[in-house]
């Protein structure tokens, strides 16, 4: 890849990162192209060299999130050890939520406004969810875990793991963690792991994150 091509890739990534931040904070209607340009460190003219409209960029940001989340669905970790797979999924998902809170917030905001754009990509998410459901059903059939509702089990894990991004201000207030200081990741992860492992009738492995 030439230096010019690398520079173009870097600019495109800066535009996408800035767009996720701005859309998560202000929504589609509340975000101007000037704000998007500022977030990417570009002029409006430079921004429009790389994008057509802010609506197209908004859809690109959502498409990026869908693709990224497909890669962190826990089924990809392998179905042979339920406790390890569930623990790993929860840990990775909470780390991701705390490291990139705007991603969860943008996704939640889009769903909250009716998923007008996101609904075009439901099929991709459904495929990943169905694959994970099949793995959970296999665990149940093999007697590896206590029977659970495979779909609701996944949805409940999403709710818990994304909570600390979508409701960060509330979490900080209740936990007594001032803005600027990190939330206690180990405590959050450990509690979530124990909650879902115990629901499955599984012991908490020693390798789980400890608070």
N, C-alpha and C. Protein backbone atom coordinates (compact mmCIF):
# COMPACT_ATOMS: atom_id res chain seq x y z
N UNK A 1 0.85 -1.20 0.00
CA UNK A 1 0.00 0.00 0.00
C UNK A 1 0.88 1.25 0.00
N UNK A 2 0.60 2.17 -0.90
CA UNK A 2 1.40 3.38 -1.00
C UNK A 2 1.11 4.30 0.16
N UNK A 3 1.96 5.30 0.36
CA UNK A 3 1.76 6.24 1.45
C UNK A 3 0.46 7.02 1.26
N UNK A 4 0.13 7.32 -0.01
CA UNK A 4 -1.11 8.04 -0.30
C UNK A 4 -2.32 7.19 0.06
N UNK A 5 -2.24 5.91 -0.25
CA UNK A 5 -3.34 5.00 0.09
C UNK A 5 -3.49 4.85 1.60
N UNK A 6 -2.36 4.76 2.30
CA UNK A 6 -2.40 4.66 3.76
C UNK A 6 -3.02 5.91 4.37
N UNK A 7 -2.65 7.06 3.80
CA UNK A 7 -3.20 8.32 4.30
C UNK A 7 -4.71 8.37 4.10
N UNK A 8 -5.16 7.88 2.96
CA UNK A 8 -6.60 7.87 2.67
C UNK A 8 -7.34 6.96 3.66
N UNK A 9 -6.77 5.81 3.94
CA UNK A 9 -7.38 4.88 4.90
C UNK A 9 -7.45 5.53 6.28
N UNK A 10 -6.38 6.21 6.67
CA UNK A 10 -6.36 6.87 7.97
C UNK A 10 -7.42 7.96 8.07
N UNK A 11 -7.59 8.71 6.99
CA UNK A 11 -8.60 9.77 6.98
C UNK A 11 -10.00 9.18 7.05
N UNK A 12 -10.22 8.11 6.29
CA UNK A 12 -11.53 7.46 6.32
C UNK A 12 -11.85 6.95 7.73
N UNK A 13 -10.84 6.40 8.40
CA UNK A 13 -11.06 5.90 9.76
C UNK A 13 -11.33 7.05 10.71
N UNK A 14 -10.62 8.16 10.55
CA UNK A 14 -10.85 9.32 11.40
C UNK A 14 -12.26 9.87 11.20
N UNK A 15 -12.73 9.87 9.96
CA UNK A 15 -14.09 10.32 9.68
C UNK A 15 -15.10 9.40 10.35
N UNK A 16 -14.89 8.10 10.24
CA UNK A 16 -15.81 7.13 10.84
C UNK A 16 -15.82 7.24 12.36
N UNK A 17 -14.63 7.33 12.97
CA UNK A 17 -14.54 7.44 14.43
C UNK A 17 -15.24 8.72 14.92
N UNK A 18 -14.97 9.81 14.23
CA UNK A 18 -15.60 11.07 14.61
C UNK A 18 -17.10 11.04 14.42
N UNK A 19 -17.55 10.39 13.36
CA UNK A 19 -18.99 10.30 13.09
C UNK A 19 -19.70 9.51 14.18
N UNK A 20 -19.10 8.40 14.61
CA UNK A 20 -19.72 7.61 15.67
C UNK A 20 -19.87 8.44 16.94
N UNK A 21 -18.83 9.22 17.28
CA UNK A 21 -18.90 10.06 18.47
C UNK A 21 -20.01 11.12 18.35
N UNK A 22 -20.04 11.81 17.20
CA UNK A 22 -21.01 12.89 17.02
C UNK A 22 -22.43 12.37 16.93
N UNK A 23 -22.64 11.31 16.19
CA UNK A 23 -23.99 10.76 16.06
C UNK A 23 -24.48 10.18 17.39
N UNK A 24 -23.57 9.59 18.17
CA UNK A 24 -23.96 9.04 19.47
C UNK A 24 -24.39 10.15 20.42
N UNK A 25 -23.73 11.31 20.34
CA UNK A 25 -24.03 12.42 21.25
C UNK A 25 -25.26 13.21 20.81
N UNK A 26 -25.40 13.43 19.50
CA UNK A 26 -26.40 14.39 19.02
C UNK A 26 -27.44 13.81 18.07
N UNK A 27 -27.30 12.54 17.71
CA UNK A 27 -28.24 11.96 16.77
C UNK A 27 -28.00 12.42 15.35
N UNK A 28 -28.75 11.85 14.43
CA UNK A 28 -28.57 12.21 13.02
C UNK A 28 -29.01 13.65 12.76
N UNK A 29 -30.20 14.01 13.20
CA UNK A 29 -30.71 15.35 12.92
C UNK A 29 -29.94 16.44 13.66
N UNK A 30 -29.37 16.11 14.80
CA UNK A 30 -28.66 17.11 15.58
C UNK A 30 -27.18 17.25 15.24
N UNK A 31 -26.72 16.49 14.27
CA UNK A 31 -25.32 16.54 13.87
C UNK A 31 -25.16 17.26 12.53
N UNK A 32 -24.34 18.27 12.49
CA UNK A 32 -24.10 19.00 11.25
C UNK A 32 -22.87 18.46 10.54
N UNK A 33 -22.77 18.74 9.26
CA UNK A 33 -21.58 18.31 8.52
C UNK A 33 -20.34 19.05 9.03
N UNK A 34 -20.54 20.27 9.52
CA UNK A 34 -19.41 21.00 10.09
C UNK A 34 -18.89 20.28 11.34
N UNK A 35 -19.80 19.79 12.17
CA UNK A 35 -19.40 19.06 13.37
C UNK A 35 -18.67 17.78 12.99
N UNK A 36 -19.13 17.12 11.94
CA UNK A 36 -18.48 15.89 11.47
C UNK A 36 -17.08 16.20 10.94
N UNK A 37 -16.95 17.30 10.22
CA UNK A 37 -15.64 17.69 9.71
C UNK A 37 -14.69 18.02 10.86
N UNK A 38 -15.18 18.78 11.83
CA UNK A 38 -14.36 19.14 12.98
C UNK A 38 -13.90 17.91 13.74
N UNK A 39 -14.80 16.93 13.90
CA UNK A 39 -14.48 15.72 14.65
C UNK A 39 -13.39 14.90 13.95
N UNK A 40 -13.34 15.01 12.63
CA UNK A 40 -12.34 14.27 11.87
C UNK A 40 -11.08 15.09 11.62
N UNK A 41 -11.08 16.35 12.05
CA UNK A 41 -9.93 17.21 11.82
C UNK A 41 -9.80 17.66 10.39
N UNK A 42 -10.95 17.84 9.72
CA UNK A 42 -10.97 18.23 8.31
C UNK A 42 -11.80 19.49 8.12
N UNK A 43 -11.65 20.12 6.95
CA UNK A 43 -12.57 21.18 6.57
C UNK A 43 -13.81 20.54 5.97
N UNK A 44 -14.89 21.31 5.82
CA UNK A 44 -16.10 20.75 5.20
C UNK A 44 -15.82 20.32 3.77
N UNK A 45 -15.01 21.08 3.07
CA UNK A 45 -14.69 20.72 1.69
C UNK A 45 -13.94 19.40 1.63
N UNK A 46 -12.99 19.23 2.55
CA UNK A 46 -12.26 17.96 2.60
C UNK A 46 -13.18 16.79 2.96
N UNK A 47 -14.08 17.04 3.90
CA UNK A 47 -15.01 15.98 4.30
C UNK A 47 -15.85 15.52 3.12
N UNK A 48 -16.35 16.46 2.35
CA UNK A 48 -17.22 16.10 1.23
C UNK A 48 -16.46 15.44 0.08
N UNK A 49 -15.16 15.48 0.14
CA UNK A 49 -14.36 14.71 -0.83
C UNK A 49 -14.49 13.22 -0.53
N UNK A 50 -14.71 12.88 0.76
CA UNK A 50 -14.75 11.49 1.18
C UNK A 50 -16.17 10.96 1.40
N UNK A 51 -17.14 11.84 1.59
CA UNK A 51 -18.52 11.39 1.80
C UNK A 51 -19.45 12.16 0.87
N UNK A 52 -20.65 11.63 0.68
CA UNK A 52 -21.65 12.33 -0.11
C UNK A 52 -22.57 13.13 0.81
N UNK A 53 -23.23 12.44 1.74
CA UNK A 53 -24.13 13.12 2.67
C UNK A 53 -23.89 12.59 4.08
N UNK A 54 -24.37 13.33 5.07
CA UNK A 54 -24.24 12.85 6.44
C UNK A 54 -25.12 11.63 6.67
N UNK A 55 -26.21 11.51 5.91
CA UNK A 55 -27.09 10.34 6.02
C UNK A 55 -26.35 9.08 5.58
N UNK A 56 -25.58 9.20 4.51
CA UNK A 56 -24.78 8.05 4.05
C UNK A 56 -23.73 7.67 5.09
N UNK A 57 -23.12 8.68 5.71
CA UNK A 57 -22.11 8.43 6.72
C UNK A 57 -22.73 7.79 7.95
N UNK A 58 -23.93 8.22 8.30
CA UNK A 58 -24.65 7.63 9.43
C UNK A 58 -24.90 6.14 9.18
N UNK A 59 -25.34 5.81 7.99
CA UNK A 59 -25.57 4.40 7.66
C UNK A 59 -24.26 3.63 7.65
N UNK A 60 -23.20 4.23 7.15
CA UNK A 60 -21.90 3.56 7.16
C UNK A 60 -21.46 3.24 8.59
N UNK A 61 -21.68 4.19 9.50
CA UNK A 61 -21.31 3.98 10.91
C UNK A 61 -22.09 2.82 11.51
N UNK A 62 -23.38 2.74 11.23
CA UNK A 62 -24.19 1.64 11.75
C UNK A 62 -23.78 0.32 11.12
N UNK A 63 -23.49 0.33 9.85
CA UNK A 63 -23.05 -0.90 9.18
C UNK A 63 -21.73 -1.39 9.77
N UNK A 64 -20.85 -0.46 10.10
CA UNK A 64 -19.58 -0.81 10.75
C UNK A 64 -19.82 -1.48 12.09
N UNK A 65 -20.76 -0.94 12.89
CA UNK A 65 -21.06 -1.51 14.20
C UNK A 65 -21.62 -2.91 14.06
N UNK A 66 -22.54 -3.10 13.14
CA UNK A 66 -23.12 -4.44 12.93
C UNK A 66 -22.03 -5.44 12.60
N UNK A 67 -21.14 -5.07 11.70
CA UNK A 67 -20.07 -5.98 11.29
C UNK A 67 -19.12 -6.25 12.45
N UNK A 68 -18.78 -5.22 13.21
CA UNK A 68 -17.87 -5.38 14.33
C UNK A 68 -18.48 -6.30 15.39
N UNK A 69 -19.74 -6.09 15.70
CA UNK A 69 -20.38 -6.92 16.73
C UNK A 69 -20.55 -8.36 16.29
N UNK A 70 -20.69 -8.59 15.01
CA UNK A 70 -20.77 -9.98 14.53
C UNK A 70 -19.51 -10.75 14.90
N UNK A 71 -18.39 -10.05 14.93
CA UNK A 71 -17.12 -10.71 15.22
C UNK A 71 -16.92 -10.98 16.70
N UNK A 72 -17.71 -10.36 17.58
CA UNK A 72 -17.51 -10.60 19.00
C UNK A 72 -18.66 -11.39 19.62
N UNK A 73 -19.59 -11.91 18.80
CA UNK A 73 -20.59 -12.84 19.35
C UNK A 73 -19.87 -14.05 19.88
N UNK A 74 -20.31 -14.51 21.05
CA UNK A 74 -19.53 -15.51 21.76
C UNK A 74 -19.44 -16.85 21.06
N UNK A 75 -20.33 -17.16 20.12
CA UNK A 75 -20.28 -18.44 19.44
C UNK A 75 -18.95 -18.64 18.73
N UNK A 76 -18.28 -17.54 18.35
CA UNK A 76 -17.01 -17.64 17.65
C UNK A 76 -15.90 -18.19 18.52
N UNK A 77 -16.11 -18.16 19.85
CA UNK A 77 -15.08 -18.66 20.75
C UNK A 77 -15.04 -20.17 20.82
N UNK A 78 -16.08 -20.86 20.28
CA UNK A 78 -16.11 -22.30 20.29
C UNK A 78 -17.10 -22.84 21.31
N UNK A 79 -17.80 -23.92 20.99
CA UNK A 79 -18.89 -24.40 21.82
C UNK A 79 -18.54 -25.46 22.86
N UNK A 80 -17.27 -25.86 23.01
CA UNK A 80 -16.95 -27.04 23.80
C UNK A 80 -16.94 -26.83 25.31
N UNK A 81 -16.70 -25.61 25.76
CA UNK A 81 -16.63 -25.32 27.20
C UNK A 81 -17.55 -24.15 27.50
N UNK A 82 -18.80 -24.42 27.87
CA UNK A 82 -19.77 -23.33 28.07
C UNK A 82 -19.29 -22.27 29.06
N UNK A 83 -18.71 -22.67 30.17
CA UNK A 83 -18.29 -21.70 31.18
C UNK A 83 -17.22 -20.77 30.62
N UNK A 84 -16.26 -21.32 29.90
CA UNK A 84 -15.19 -20.50 29.33
C UNK A 84 -15.72 -19.58 28.24
N UNK A 85 -16.63 -20.10 27.41
CA UNK A 85 -17.17 -19.30 26.32
C UNK A 85 -18.00 -18.14 26.84
N UNK A 86 -18.89 -18.41 27.79
CA UNK A 86 -19.73 -17.36 28.36
C UNK A 86 -18.89 -16.33 29.09
N UNK A 87 -17.93 -16.79 29.88
CA UNK A 87 -17.06 -15.88 30.63
C UNK A 87 -16.27 -14.98 29.69
N UNK A 88 -15.72 -15.57 28.64
CA UNK A 88 -14.93 -14.81 27.68
C UNK A 88 -15.78 -13.78 26.96
N UNK A 89 -16.97 -14.19 26.56
CA UNK A 89 -17.87 -13.27 25.86
C UNK A 89 -18.19 -12.07 26.72
N UNK A 90 -18.58 -12.31 27.97
CA UNK A 90 -18.95 -11.22 28.87
C UNK A 90 -17.76 -10.29 29.09
N UNK A 91 -16.59 -10.85 29.30
CA UNK A 91 -15.40 -10.01 29.53
C UNK A 91 -15.10 -9.14 28.32
N UNK A 92 -15.11 -9.74 27.13
CA UNK A 92 -14.80 -8.98 25.93
C UNK A 92 -15.86 -7.92 25.64
N UNK A 93 -17.12 -8.27 25.89
CA UNK A 93 -18.21 -7.34 25.60
C UNK A 93 -18.17 -6.14 26.55
N UNK A 94 -17.88 -6.36 27.83
CA UNK A 94 -17.81 -5.25 28.78
C UNK A 94 -16.59 -4.39 28.51
N UNK A 95 -15.46 -5.00 28.21
CA UNK A 95 -14.28 -4.21 27.84
C UNK A 95 -14.60 -3.33 26.62
N UNK A 96 -15.26 -3.92 25.64
CA UNK A 96 -15.59 -3.16 24.43
C UNK A 96 -16.53 -2.00 24.76
N UNK A 97 -17.53 -2.26 25.60
CA UNK A 97 -18.49 -1.21 25.97
C UNK A 97 -17.80 -0.06 26.70
N UNK A 98 -16.86 -0.38 27.58
CA UNK A 98 -16.17 0.65 28.34
C UNK A 98 -15.12 1.38 27.50
N UNK A 99 -14.50 0.67 26.57
CA UNK A 99 -13.49 1.30 25.71
C UNK A 99 -14.12 2.15 24.61
N UNK A 100 -15.28 1.70 24.11
CA UNK A 100 -15.93 2.39 22.98
C UNK A 100 -17.41 2.63 23.30
N UNK A 101 -17.70 3.43 24.33
CA UNK A 101 -19.09 3.62 24.74
C UNK A 101 -19.97 4.24 23.66
N UNK A 102 -19.38 5.07 22.79
CA UNK A 102 -20.20 5.72 21.76
C UNK A 102 -20.78 4.70 20.79
N UNK A 103 -20.11 3.57 20.61
CA UNK A 103 -20.63 2.54 19.71
C UNK A 103 -21.96 2.00 20.24
N UNK A 104 -21.99 1.64 21.52
CA UNK A 104 -23.23 1.14 22.12
C UNK A 104 -24.31 2.23 22.12
N UNK A 105 -23.91 3.47 22.40
CA UNK A 105 -24.90 4.55 22.49
C UNK A 105 -25.51 4.85 21.13
N UNK A 106 -24.69 4.85 20.08
CA UNK A 106 -25.22 5.10 18.75
C UNK A 106 -26.20 4.00 18.36
N UNK A 107 -25.83 2.77 18.61
CA UNK A 107 -26.70 1.63 18.29
C UNK A 107 -28.03 1.76 19.04
N UNK A 108 -27.95 2.05 20.35
CA UNK A 108 -29.15 2.17 21.18
C UNK A 108 -30.02 3.33 20.72
N UNK A 109 -29.40 4.45 20.37
CA UNK A 109 -30.15 5.61 19.90
C UNK A 109 -30.89 5.30 18.61
N UNK A 110 -30.23 4.58 17.71
CA UNK A 110 -30.87 4.22 16.44
C UNK A 110 -32.06 3.29 16.68
N UNK A 111 -31.89 2.32 17.57
CA UNK A 111 -33.00 1.43 17.89
C UNK A 111 -34.14 2.21 18.54
N UNK A 112 -33.78 3.15 19.40
CA UNK A 112 -34.78 3.95 20.09
C UNK A 112 -35.62 4.81 19.15
N UNK A 113 -35.05 5.17 18.02
CA UNK A 113 -35.82 5.99 17.07
C UNK A 113 -36.50 5.14 16.00
N UNK A 114 -36.57 3.82 16.26
CA UNK A 114 -37.31 2.94 15.38
C UNK A 114 -36.48 2.09 14.45
N UNK A 115 -35.14 2.22 14.55
CA UNK A 115 -34.22 1.41 13.73
C UNK A 115 -34.50 1.57 12.24
N UNK A 116 -34.82 2.77 11.82
CA UNK A 116 -35.16 3.02 10.42
C UNK A 116 -34.03 2.59 9.48
N UNK A 117 -32.82 2.94 9.83
CA UNK A 117 -31.66 2.57 9.01
C UNK A 117 -31.16 1.18 9.38
N UNK A 118 -31.07 0.92 10.66
CA UNK A 118 -30.51 -0.34 11.14
C UNK A 118 -31.32 -1.54 10.69
N UNK A 119 -32.61 -1.38 10.46
CA UNK A 119 -33.45 -2.51 10.07
C UNK A 119 -32.99 -3.15 8.76
N UNK A 120 -32.24 -2.41 7.97
CA UNK A 120 -31.71 -2.97 6.71
C UNK A 120 -30.66 -4.04 6.98
N UNK A 121 -30.14 -4.05 8.22
CA UNK A 121 -29.07 -4.99 8.54
C UNK A 121 -29.48 -6.01 9.60
N UNK A 122 -30.79 -6.05 9.90
CA UNK A 122 -31.25 -7.04 10.89
C UNK A 122 -30.89 -8.46 10.47
N UNK A 123 -30.93 -8.74 9.17
CA UNK A 123 -30.65 -10.10 8.70
C UNK A 123 -29.27 -10.58 9.10
N UNK A 124 -28.28 -9.70 9.02
CA UNK A 124 -26.91 -10.08 9.40
C UNK A 124 -26.82 -10.38 10.89
N UNK A 125 -27.47 -9.55 11.70
CA UNK A 125 -27.46 -9.80 13.14
C UNK A 125 -28.22 -11.07 13.48
N UNK A 126 -29.35 -11.28 12.80
CA UNK A 126 -30.16 -12.48 13.07
C UNK A 126 -29.39 -13.75 12.76
N UNK A 127 -28.59 -13.73 11.70
CA UNK A 127 -27.79 -14.90 11.35
C UNK A 127 -26.81 -15.25 12.47
N UNK A 128 -26.15 -14.23 13.02
CA UNK A 128 -25.21 -14.45 14.12
C UNK A 128 -25.93 -14.94 15.37
N UNK A 129 -27.08 -14.35 15.66
CA UNK A 129 -27.86 -14.75 16.84
C UNK A 129 -28.34 -16.19 16.69
N UNK A 130 -28.80 -16.56 15.50
CA UNK A 130 -29.26 -17.93 15.28
C UNK A 130 -28.13 -18.94 15.47
N UNK A 131 -26.93 -18.57 15.04
CA UNK A 131 -25.79 -19.46 15.23
C UNK A 131 -25.49 -19.66 16.70
N UNK A 132 -25.53 -18.56 17.48
CA UNK A 132 -25.29 -18.65 18.91
C UNK A 132 -26.40 -19.44 19.60
N UNK A 133 -27.63 -19.25 19.15
CA UNK A 133 -28.76 -20.00 19.71
C UNK A 133 -28.57 -21.49 19.52
N UNK A 134 -28.09 -21.88 18.35
CA UNK A 134 -27.85 -23.30 18.07
C UNK A 134 -26.80 -23.87 19.01
N UNK A 135 -25.76 -23.09 19.31
CA UNK A 135 -24.72 -23.55 20.23
C UNK A 135 -25.31 -23.75 21.63
N UNK A 136 -26.09 -22.79 22.10
CA UNK A 136 -26.69 -22.89 23.43
C UNK A 136 -27.64 -24.09 23.50
N UNK A 137 -28.42 -24.27 22.46
CA UNK A 137 -29.33 -25.43 22.43
C UNK A 137 -28.55 -26.74 22.47
N UNK A 138 -27.37 -26.74 21.83
CA UNK A 138 -26.52 -27.93 21.88
C UNK A 138 -26.01 -28.21 23.28
N UNK A 139 -25.63 -27.16 24.00
CA UNK A 139 -25.20 -27.32 25.38
C UNK A 139 -26.32 -27.91 26.24
N UNK A 140 -27.53 -27.39 26.04
CA UNK A 140 -28.68 -27.86 26.81
C UNK A 140 -28.96 -29.33 26.50
N UNK A 141 -28.98 -29.68 25.22
CA UNK A 141 -29.26 -31.06 24.80
C UNK A 141 -28.22 -32.03 25.34
N UNK A 142 -26.97 -31.57 25.47
CA UNK A 142 -25.90 -32.43 25.96
C UNK A 142 -25.83 -32.46 27.48
N UNK A 143 -26.70 -31.69 28.13
CA UNK A 143 -26.69 -31.65 29.60
C UNK A 143 -25.53 -30.86 30.17
N UNK A 144 -24.92 -29.99 29.34
CA UNK A 144 -23.78 -29.21 29.81
C UNK A 144 -24.19 -27.99 30.63
N UNK A 145 -25.41 -27.49 30.38
CA UNK A 145 -25.92 -26.36 31.14
C UNK A 145 -27.38 -26.61 31.49
N UNK A 146 -27.87 -25.90 32.49
CA UNK A 146 -29.27 -25.94 32.85
C UNK A 146 -30.08 -25.32 31.71
N UNK A 147 -31.29 -25.82 31.45
CA UNK A 147 -32.10 -25.24 30.37
C UNK A 147 -32.36 -23.75 30.57
N UNK A 148 -32.15 -22.97 29.52
CA UNK A 148 -32.43 -21.54 29.51
C UNK A 148 -33.13 -21.23 28.19
N UNK A 149 -33.73 -20.07 28.11
CA UNK A 149 -34.26 -19.60 26.83
C UNK A 149 -33.07 -19.04 26.06
N UNK A 150 -32.62 -19.72 25.00
CA UNK A 150 -31.38 -19.30 24.33
C UNK A 150 -31.39 -17.87 23.82
N UNK A 151 -32.54 -17.43 23.30
CA UNK A 151 -32.60 -16.08 22.75
C UNK A 151 -32.63 -15.04 23.86
N UNK A 152 -33.47 -15.24 24.87
CA UNK A 152 -33.54 -14.27 25.96
C UNK A 152 -32.24 -14.25 26.75
N UNK A 153 -31.58 -15.38 26.85
CA UNK A 153 -30.29 -15.44 27.54
C UNK A 153 -29.29 -14.51 26.86
N UNK A 154 -29.25 -14.55 25.54
CA UNK A 154 -28.36 -13.64 24.79
C UNK A 154 -28.78 -12.18 24.97
N UNK A 155 -30.06 -11.91 24.85
CA UNK A 155 -30.53 -10.54 24.97
C UNK A 155 -30.25 -9.96 26.36
N UNK A 156 -30.38 -10.80 27.37
CA UNK A 156 -30.07 -10.34 28.73
C UNK A 156 -28.58 -10.05 28.90
N UNK A 157 -27.74 -10.84 28.26
CA UNK A 157 -26.30 -10.56 28.32
C UNK A 157 -25.97 -9.25 27.62
N UNK A 158 -26.64 -8.99 26.49
CA UNK A 158 -26.40 -7.71 25.81
C UNK A 158 -26.78 -6.55 26.73
N UNK A 159 -27.94 -6.70 27.38
CA UNK A 159 -28.42 -5.62 28.25
C UNK A 159 -27.42 -5.31 29.37
N UNK A 160 -26.91 -6.36 29.99
CA UNK A 160 -25.98 -6.18 31.11
C UNK A 160 -24.65 -5.63 30.63
N UNK A 161 -24.11 -6.19 29.58
CA UNK A 161 -22.77 -5.80 29.14
C UNK A 161 -22.74 -4.41 28.51
N UNK A 162 -23.85 -3.96 27.95
CA UNK A 162 -23.88 -2.64 27.33
C UNK A 162 -24.37 -1.55 28.29
N UNK A 163 -24.88 -1.96 29.43
CA UNK A 163 -25.45 -1.01 30.38
C UNK A 163 -24.45 0.07 30.78
N UNK A 164 -23.20 -0.30 30.98
CA UNK A 164 -22.21 0.65 31.52
C UNK A 164 -21.73 1.65 30.49
N UNK A 165 -22.10 1.42 29.22
CA UNK A 165 -21.85 2.43 28.19
C UNK A 165 -23.08 3.30 28.01
N UNK A 166 -24.24 2.67 27.90
CA UNK A 166 -25.47 3.41 27.62
C UNK A 166 -25.95 4.22 28.82
N UNK A 167 -25.65 3.75 30.03
CA UNK A 167 -26.08 4.43 31.25
C UNK A 167 -24.87 4.77 32.13
N UNK A 168 -23.82 5.24 31.48
CA UNK A 168 -22.57 5.50 32.21
C UNK A 168 -22.77 6.52 33.32
N UNK A 169 -23.49 7.60 33.04
CA UNK A 169 -23.67 8.64 34.06
C UNK A 169 -24.36 8.08 35.30
N UNK A 170 -25.38 7.26 35.10
CA UNK A 170 -26.07 6.65 36.22
C UNK A 170 -25.15 5.70 36.98
N UNK A 171 -24.41 4.88 36.24
CA UNK A 171 -23.50 3.92 36.87
C UNK A 171 -22.44 4.64 37.69
N UNK A 172 -21.90 5.73 37.14
CA UNK A 172 -20.88 6.49 37.87
C UNK A 172 -21.46 7.06 39.17
N UNK A 173 -22.68 7.58 39.10
CA UNK A 173 -23.29 8.16 40.29
C UNK A 173 -23.52 7.10 41.36
N UNK A 174 -24.07 5.97 40.97
CA UNK A 174 -24.39 4.93 41.94
C UNK A 174 -23.13 4.25 42.50
N UNK A 175 -22.12 4.12 41.65
CA UNK A 175 -20.88 3.48 42.10
C UNK A 175 -19.92 4.45 42.78
N UNK A 176 -20.25 5.74 42.73
CA UNK A 176 -19.39 6.74 43.35
C UNK A 176 -18.07 6.93 42.62
N UNK A 177 -18.12 6.81 41.29
CA UNK A 177 -16.91 6.96 40.47
C UNK A 177 -16.99 8.27 39.70
N UNK A 178 -16.20 9.28 40.06
CA UNK A 178 -16.27 10.57 39.38
C UNK A 178 -15.87 10.47 37.91
N UNK A 179 -16.38 11.40 37.13
CA UNK A 179 -15.98 11.48 35.72
C UNK A 179 -14.47 11.65 35.63
N UNK A 180 -13.86 10.92 34.74
CA UNK A 180 -12.41 11.01 34.58
C UNK A 180 -11.68 9.86 35.22
N UNK A 181 -12.34 9.17 36.16
CA UNK A 181 -11.76 7.98 36.77
C UNK A 181 -12.40 6.75 36.15
N UNK A 182 -11.62 5.67 35.98
CA UNK A 182 -12.19 4.47 35.34
C UNK A 182 -13.15 3.72 36.25
N UNK A 183 -14.18 3.16 35.66
CA UNK A 183 -15.05 2.27 36.41
C UNK A 183 -14.27 1.00 36.76
N UNK A 184 -14.69 0.32 37.80
CA UNK A 184 -14.02 -0.89 38.25
C UNK A 184 -14.41 -2.05 37.34
N UNK A 185 -13.62 -2.26 36.30
CA UNK A 185 -13.95 -3.28 35.30
C UNK A 185 -14.00 -4.68 35.90
N UNK A 186 -13.03 -5.00 36.73
CA UNK A 186 -12.98 -6.35 37.29
C UNK A 186 -14.24 -6.65 38.10
N UNK A 187 -14.68 -5.69 38.88
CA UNK A 187 -15.90 -5.87 39.68
C UNK A 187 -17.12 -6.07 38.78
N UNK A 188 -17.23 -5.26 37.75
CA UNK A 188 -18.37 -5.33 36.83
C UNK A 188 -18.37 -6.66 36.08
N UNK A 189 -17.22 -7.04 35.56
CA UNK A 189 -17.12 -8.27 34.77
C UNK A 189 -17.40 -9.48 35.64
N UNK A 190 -16.78 -9.51 36.82
CA UNK A 190 -16.94 -10.66 37.71
C UNK A 190 -18.41 -10.87 38.08
N UNK A 191 -19.11 -9.80 38.42
CA UNK A 191 -20.51 -9.92 38.81
C UNK A 191 -21.36 -10.44 37.65
N UNK A 192 -21.11 -9.92 36.45
CA UNK A 192 -21.87 -10.36 35.28
C UNK A 192 -21.57 -11.83 34.96
N UNK A 193 -20.31 -12.22 35.05
CA UNK A 193 -19.95 -13.62 34.80
C UNK A 193 -20.67 -14.54 35.78
N UNK A 194 -20.62 -14.20 37.05
CA UNK A 194 -21.26 -15.05 38.06
C UNK A 194 -22.76 -15.14 37.82
N UNK A 195 -23.37 -14.02 37.48
CA UNK A 195 -24.82 -13.99 37.26
C UNK A 195 -25.23 -14.97 36.17
N UNK A 196 -24.55 -14.94 35.04
CA UNK A 196 -24.97 -15.77 33.91
C UNK A 196 -24.48 -17.21 34.02
N UNK A 197 -23.32 -17.42 34.63
CA UNK A 197 -22.87 -18.80 34.83
C UNK A 197 -23.77 -19.52 35.82
N UNK A 198 -24.12 -18.86 36.89
CA UNK A 198 -25.00 -19.49 37.88
C UNK A 198 -26.38 -19.75 37.30
N UNK A 199 -26.85 -18.87 36.43
CA UNK A 199 -28.14 -19.11 35.76
C UNK A 199 -28.10 -20.40 34.96
N UNK A 200 -26.93 -20.73 34.44
CA UNK A 200 -26.76 -21.95 33.65
C UNK A 200 -26.44 -23.16 34.51
N UNK A 201 -26.32 -22.94 35.83
CA UNK A 201 -25.95 -24.05 36.71
C UNK A 201 -24.49 -24.40 36.62
N UNK A 202 -23.66 -23.43 36.24
CA UNK A 202 -22.23 -23.68 36.06
C UNK A 202 -21.44 -23.04 37.20
N UNK A 203 -20.36 -23.69 37.63
CA UNK A 203 -19.46 -23.06 38.62
C UNK A 203 -18.70 -21.94 37.94
N UNK A 204 -18.21 -21.01 38.75
CA UNK A 204 -17.42 -19.90 38.23
C UNK A 204 -15.97 -20.37 38.14
N UNK A 205 -15.41 -20.49 36.92
CA UNK A 205 -14.02 -20.97 36.78
C UNK A 205 -13.02 -20.02 37.43
N UNK A 206 -11.90 -20.58 37.84
CA UNK A 206 -10.85 -19.77 38.48
C UNK A 206 -10.28 -18.72 37.54
N UNK A 207 -10.38 -18.98 36.21
CA UNK A 207 -9.78 -18.03 35.26
C UNK A 207 -10.66 -16.83 35.01
N UNK A 208 -11.87 -16.80 35.57
CA UNK A 208 -12.74 -15.63 35.40
C UNK A 208 -12.09 -14.41 36.05
N UNK A 209 -12.42 -13.26 35.53
CA UNK A 209 -11.91 -12.02 36.10
C UNK A 209 -12.30 -11.92 37.55
N UNK A 210 -11.37 -11.52 38.39
CA UNK A 210 -11.66 -11.39 39.81
C UNK A 210 -11.62 -9.93 40.22
N UNK A 211 -12.59 -9.53 41.06
CA UNK A 211 -12.62 -8.15 41.53
C UNK A 211 -11.69 -7.96 42.71
